[in-house]
Amino acid sequence: MTFDFLAGDPGDWLFHCHTVYHLERGTARAFEYE
């Protein structure tokens, strides 16, 4: 998966979807912004 975003707060973040069906199929990911 590739996505662009503007970030102003470094740290650990969670990218996720609020649809349970999507969460069960892996649309929740943690990433680190430095």
PDB file of N, CA and C in Angstrom:
ATOM      1  N   MET A   1       0.844  -1.154   0.000  1.00  0.00           N
ATOM      2  CA  MET A   1       0.000   0.000   0.000  1.00  0.00           C
ATOM      3  C   MET A   1       0.896   1.225   0.000  1.00  0.00           C
ATOM      4  N   THR A   2       0.534   2.200  -0.774  1.00  0.00           N
ATOM      5  CA  THR A   2       1.258   3.467  -0.818  1.00  0.00           C
ATOM      6  C   THR A   2       0.257   4.607  -0.641  1.00  0.00           C
ATOM      7  N   PHE A   3       0.625   5.567   0.181  1.00  0.00           N
ATOM      8  CA  PHE A   3      -0.231   6.737   0.338  1.00  0.00           C
ATOM      9  C   PHE A   3       0.623   7.926   0.709  1.00  0.00           C
ATOM     10  N   ASP A   4       0.152   9.107   0.381  1.00  0.00           N
ATOM     11  CA  ASP A   4       0.815  10.362   0.718  1.00  0.00           C
ATOM     12  C   ASP A   4       0.031  11.042   1.830  1.00  0.00           C
ATOM     13  N   PHE A   5       0.764  11.732   2.709  1.00  0.00           N
ATOM     14  CA  PHE A   5       0.102  12.480   3.767  1.00  0.00           C
ATOM     15  C   PHE A   5       1.024  13.579   4.251  1.00  0.00           C
ATOM     16  N   LEU A   6       0.457  14.590   4.858  1.00  0.00           N
ATOM     17  CA  LEU A   6       1.222  15.658   5.485  1.00  0.00           C
ATOM     18  C   LEU A   6       1.269  15.360   6.973  1.00  0.00           C
ATOM     19  N   ALA A   7       2.465  15.351   7.526  1.00  0.00           N
ATOM     20  CA  ALA A   7       2.613  15.020   8.944  1.00  0.00           C
ATOM     21  C   ALA A   7       3.345  16.147   9.662  1.00  0.00           C
ATOM     22  N   GLY A   8       2.846  16.496  10.818  1.00  0.00           N
ATOM     23  CA  GLY A   8       3.475  17.530  11.610  1.00  0.00           C
ATOM     24  C   GLY A   8       3.890  17.051  12.987  1.00  0.00           C
ATOM     25  N   ASP A   9       3.471  15.853  13.348  1.00  0.00           N
ATOM     26  CA  ASP A   9       3.763  15.316  14.671  1.00  0.00           C
ATOM     27  C   ASP A   9       4.524  14.002  14.549  1.00  0.00           C
ATOM     28  N   PRO A  10       5.849  14.013  14.786  1.00  0.00           N
ATOM     29  CA  PRO A  10       6.620  12.772  14.723  1.00  0.00           C
ATOM     30  C   PRO A  10       6.138  11.764  15.763  1.00  0.00           C
ATOM     31  N   GLY A  11       6.375  10.513  15.484  1.00  0.00           N
ATOM     32  CA  GLY A  11       6.023   9.466  16.439  1.00  0.00           C
ATOM     33  C   GLY A  11       5.386   8.267  15.773  1.00  0.00           C
ATOM     34  N   ASP A  12       4.834   7.399  16.591  1.00  0.00           N
ATOM     35  CA  ASP A  12       4.163   6.198  16.105  1.00  0.00           C
ATOM     36  C   ASP A  12       2.692   6.515  15.850  1.00  0.00           C
ATOM     37  N   TRP A  13       2.195   6.029  14.716  1.00  0.00           N
ATOM     38  CA  TRP A  13       0.821   6.304  14.318  1.00  0.00           C
ATOM     39  C   TRP A  13       0.145   5.028  13.852  1.00  0.00           C
ATOM     40  N   LEU A  14      -1.178   5.017  13.903  1.00  0.00           N
ATOM     41  CA  LEU A  14      -1.965   3.888  13.426  1.00  0.00           C
ATOM     42  C   LEU A  14      -2.820   4.355  12.258  1.00  0.00           C
ATOM     43  N   PHE A  15      -2.664   3.676  11.130  1.00  0.00           N
ATOM     44  CA  PHE A  15      -3.498   3.904   9.956  1.00  0.00           C
ATOM     45  C   PHE A  15      -4.550   2.807   9.955  1.00  0.00           C
ATOM     46  N   HIS A  16      -5.841   3.164   9.923  1.00  0.00           N
ATOM     47  CA  HIS A  16      -6.866   2.123  10.013  1.00  0.00           C
ATOM     48  C   HIS A  16      -8.159   2.560   9.351  1.00  0.00           C
ATOM     49  N   CYS A  17      -9.025   1.586   9.165  1.00  0.00           N
ATOM     50  CA  CYS A  17     -10.355   1.795   8.606  1.00  0.00           C
ATOM     51  C   CYS A  17     -11.372   1.458   9.693  1.00  0.00           C
ATOM     52  N   HIS A  18     -12.481   2.158   9.731  1.00  0.00           N
ATOM     53  CA  HIS A  18     -13.504   1.908  10.749  1.00  0.00           C
ATOM     54  C   HIS A  18     -14.498   0.824  10.340  1.00  0.00           C
ATOM     55  N   THR A  19     -14.320   0.246   9.169  1.00  0.00           N
ATOM     56  CA  THR A  19     -15.192  -0.836   8.717  1.00  0.00           C
ATOM     57  C   THR A  19     -14.626  -2.157   9.223  1.00  0.00           C
ATOM     58  N   VAL A  20     -15.386  -2.880  10.035  1.00  0.00           N
ATOM     59  CA  VAL A  20     -14.899  -4.117  10.656  1.00  0.00           C
ATOM     60  C   VAL A  20     -14.425  -5.107   9.605  1.00  0.00           C
ATOM     61  N   TYR A  21     -15.159  -5.234   8.510  1.00  0.00           N
ATOM     62  CA  TYR A  21     -14.765  -6.149   7.430  1.00  0.00           C
ATOM     63  C   TYR A  21     -13.353  -5.825   6.936  1.00  0.00           C
ATOM     64  N   HIS A  22     -13.058  -4.559   6.773  1.00  0.00           N
ATOM     65  CA  HIS A  22     -11.733  -4.144   6.303  1.00  0.00           C
ATOM     66  C   HIS A  22     -10.664  -4.407   7.365  1.00  0.00           C
ATOM     67  N   LEU A  23     -10.970  -4.118   8.626  1.00  0.00           N
ATOM     68  CA  LEU A  23     -10.011  -4.366   9.709  1.00  0.00           C
ATOM     69  C   LEU A  23      -9.632  -5.840   9.784  1.00  0.00           C
ATOM     70  N   GLU A  24     -10.622  -6.708   9.610  1.00  0.00           N
ATOM     71  CA  GLU A  24     -10.364  -8.145   9.664  1.00  0.00           C
ATOM     72  C   GLU A  24      -9.477  -8.614   8.517  1.00  0.00           C
ATOM     73  N   ARG A  25      -9.395  -7.827   7.474  1.00  0.00           N
ATOM     74  CA  ARG A  25      -8.590  -8.195   6.317  1.00  0.00           C
ATOM     75  C   ARG A  25      -7.295  -7.396   6.209  1.00  0.00           C
ATOM     76  N   GLY A  26      -6.918  -6.722   7.281  1.00  0.00           N
ATOM     77  CA  GLY A  26      -5.585  -6.135   7.359  1.00  0.00           C
ATOM     78  C   GLY A  26      -5.431  -4.674   7.020  1.00  0.00           C
ATOM     79  N   THR A  27      -6.471  -3.870   7.141  1.00  0.00           N
ATOM     80  CA  THR A  27      -6.299  -2.455   6.829  1.00  0.00           C
ATOM     81  C   THR A  27      -5.917  -1.622   8.048  1.00  0.00           C
ATOM     82  N   ALA A  28      -5.369  -2.244   9.065  1.00  0.00           N
ATOM     83  CA  ALA A  28      -4.833  -1.510  10.212  1.00  0.00           C
ATOM     84  C   ALA A  28      -3.325  -1.729  10.223  1.00  0.00           C
ATOM     85  N   ARG A  29      -2.573  -0.645  10.173  1.00  0.00           N
ATOM     86  CA  ARG A  29      -1.120  -0.728  10.149  1.00  0.00           C
ATOM     87  C   ARG A  29      -0.530   0.353  11.044  1.00  0.00           C
ATOM     88  N   ALA A  30       0.513   0.000  11.748  1.00  0.00           N
ATOM     89  CA  ALA A  30       1.261   0.983  12.534  1.00  0.00           C
ATOM     90  C   ALA A  30       2.443   1.452  11.700  1.00  0.00           C
ATOM     91  N   PHE A  31       2.764   2.732  11.805  1.00  0.00           N
ATOM     92  CA  PHE A  31       3.941   3.251  11.125  1.00  0.00           C
ATOM     93  C   PHE A  31       4.581   4.328  11.979  1.00  0.00           C
ATOM     94  N   GLU A  32       5.859   4.588  11.699  1.00  0.00           N
ATOM     95  CA  GLU A  32       6.620   5.577  12.459  1.00  0.00           C
ATOM     96  C   GLU A  32       6.995   6.732  11.549  1.00  0.00           C
ATOM     97  N   TYR A  33       6.743   7.931  12.010  1.00  0.00           N
ATOM     98  CA  TYR A  33       7.131   9.144  11.302  1.00  0.00           C
ATOM     99  C   TYR A  33       8.208   9.827  12.131  1.00  0.00           C
ATOM    100  N   GLU A  34       9.346  10.102  11.513  1.00  0.00           N
ATOM    101  CA  GLU A  34      10.461  10.735  12.236  1.00  0.00           C
ATOM    102  C   GLU A  34      10.589  12.197  11.884  1.00  0.00           C
TER     103      GLU A  34
END
